[in-house]
Amino acid sequence: MTMSEDDAPQKKPARHQVGEDLSALSVDELNERIALLRSEIARIEEAIGAKRASADVAASFFKK
């Protein structure tokens, strides 16, 4: 007998939604969310740094 999609255990979404109810998540799942969010923060900070560097280059070019 094969397992249908309805019988398969439901996975919680890997993404975090700000403000969502966290009461049903285990400690391990909450730690995974923290790791995910820390990774996303680092990615955003890199993007900010790249944009600032581009803006600085453009500003120095137009000051000449």
C-alpha atoms as a PDB file:
ATOM      1  CA  MET A   1       0.000   0.000   0.000  1.00  0.00           C
ATOM      2  CA  THR A   2       1.402   3.405  -0.975  1.00  0.00           C
ATOM      3  CA  MET A   3       1.077   6.565   1.016  1.00  0.00           C
ATOM      4  CA  SER A   4      -0.978   9.320  -0.593  1.00  0.00           C
ATOM      5  CA  GLU A   5      -0.143  12.981  -0.218  1.00  0.00           C
ATOM      6  CA  ASP A   6      -2.989  13.328   2.289  1.00  0.00           C
ATOM      7  CA  ASP A   7      -1.472  10.608   4.501  1.00  0.00           C
ATOM      8  CA  ALA A   8       2.059  12.052   4.474  1.00  0.00           C
ATOM      9  CA  PRO A   9       3.067  13.994   7.578  1.00  0.00           C
ATOM     10  CA  GLN A  10       2.684  17.709   7.065  1.00  0.00           C
ATOM     11  CA  LYS A  11       5.909  19.698   7.261  1.00  0.00           C
ATOM     12  CA  LYS A  12       5.888  23.139   8.764  1.00  0.00           C
ATOM     13  CA  PRO A  13       7.009  25.849   6.357  1.00  0.00           C
ATOM     14  CA  ALA A  14      10.743  26.510   6.359  1.00  0.00           C
ATOM     15  CA  ARG A  15      10.125  30.235   6.151  1.00  0.00           C
ATOM     16  CA  HIS A  16       9.363  32.443   9.092  1.00  0.00           C
ATOM     17  CA  GLN A  17       6.529  34.901   9.021  1.00  0.00           C
ATOM     18  CA  VAL A  18       6.893  37.891  11.323  1.00  0.00           C
ATOM     19  CA  GLY A  19       4.182  37.846  13.984  1.00  0.00           C
ATOM     20  CA  GLU A  20       3.141  34.242  13.453  1.00  0.00           C
ATOM     21  CA  ASP A  21       2.081  32.099  16.416  1.00  0.00           C
ATOM     22  CA  LEU A  22       5.130  30.278  17.769  1.00  0.00           C
ATOM     23  CA  SER A  23       3.378  28.263  20.476  1.00  0.00           C
ATOM     24  CA  ALA A  24       3.117  25.079  18.374  1.00  0.00           C
ATOM     25  CA  LEU A  25       6.845  25.002  17.522  1.00  0.00           C
ATOM     26  CA  SER A  26       9.376  22.892  19.401  1.00  0.00           C
ATOM     27  CA  VAL A  27      12.580  24.298  20.885  1.00  0.00           C
ATOM     28  CA  ASP A  28      14.527  22.778  17.974  1.00  0.00           C
ATOM     29  CA  GLU A  29      12.191  24.411  15.462  1.00  0.00           C
ATOM     30  CA  LEU A  30      12.526  27.754  17.242  1.00  0.00           C
ATOM     31  CA  ASN A  31      16.320  27.443  17.160  1.00  0.00           C
ATOM     32  CA  GLU A  32      16.104  26.693  13.417  1.00  0.00           C
ATOM     33  CA  ARG A  33      14.050  29.862  12.968  1.00  0.00           C
ATOM     34  CA  ILE A  34      16.659  31.874  14.877  1.00  0.00           C
ATOM     35  CA  ALA A  35      19.425  30.482  12.646  1.00  0.00           C
ATOM     36  CA  LEU A  36      17.352  31.274   9.545  1.00  0.00           C
ATOM     37  CA  LEU A  37      16.723  34.836  10.701  1.00  0.00           C
ATOM     38  CA  ARG A  38      20.371  35.419  11.649  1.00  0.00           C
ATOM     39  CA  SER A  39      21.403  34.219   8.205  1.00  0.00           C
ATOM     40  CA  GLU A  40      18.883  36.545   6.591  1.00  0.00           C
ATOM     41  CA  ILE A  41      20.099  39.491   8.695  1.00  0.00           C
ATOM     42  CA  ALA A  42      23.679  38.834   7.564  1.00  0.00           C
ATOM     43  CA  ARG A  43      22.528  38.676   3.929  1.00  0.00           C
ATOM     44  CA  ILE A  44      20.669  41.975   4.267  1.00  0.00           C
ATOM     45  CA  GLU A  45      23.658  43.635   5.941  1.00  0.00           C
ATOM     46  CA  GLU A  46      25.854  42.514   3.026  1.00  0.00           C
ATOM     47  CA  ALA A  47      23.373  44.040   0.576  1.00  0.00           C
ATOM     48  CA  ILE A  48      23.389  47.299   2.537  1.00  0.00           C
ATOM     49  CA  GLY A  49      27.202  47.352   2.477  1.00  0.00           C
ATOM     50  CA  ALA A  50      27.270  46.761  -1.276  1.00  0.00           C
ATOM     51  CA  LYS A  51      24.738  49.535  -1.903  1.00  0.00           C
ATOM     52  CA  ARG A  52      26.647  51.957   0.312  1.00  0.00           C
ATOM     53  CA  ALA A  53      29.891  51.134  -1.493  1.00  0.00           C
ATOM     54  CA  SER A  54      28.217  51.755  -4.866  1.00  0.00           C
ATOM     55  CA  ALA A  55      26.783  55.043  -3.657  1.00  0.00           C
ATOM     56  CA  ASP A  56      30.192  56.120  -2.315  1.00  0.00           C
ATOM     57  CA  VAL A  57      31.847  55.348  -5.652  1.00  0.00           C
ATOM     58  CA  ALA A  58      29.182  57.274  -7.536  1.00  0.00           C
ATOM     59  CA  ALA A  59      29.437  60.212  -5.143  1.00  0.00           C
ATOM     60  CA  SER A  60      33.219  60.388  -5.473  1.00  0.00           C
ATOM     61  CA  PHE A  61      32.964  60.205  -9.281  1.00  0.00           C
ATOM     62  CA  PHE A  62      30.546  63.123  -9.487  1.00  0.00           C
ATOM     63  CA  LYS A  63      32.544  65.278  -7.023  1.00  0.00           C
ATOM     64  CA  LYS A  64      35.387  65.608  -9.547  1.00  0.00           C
END
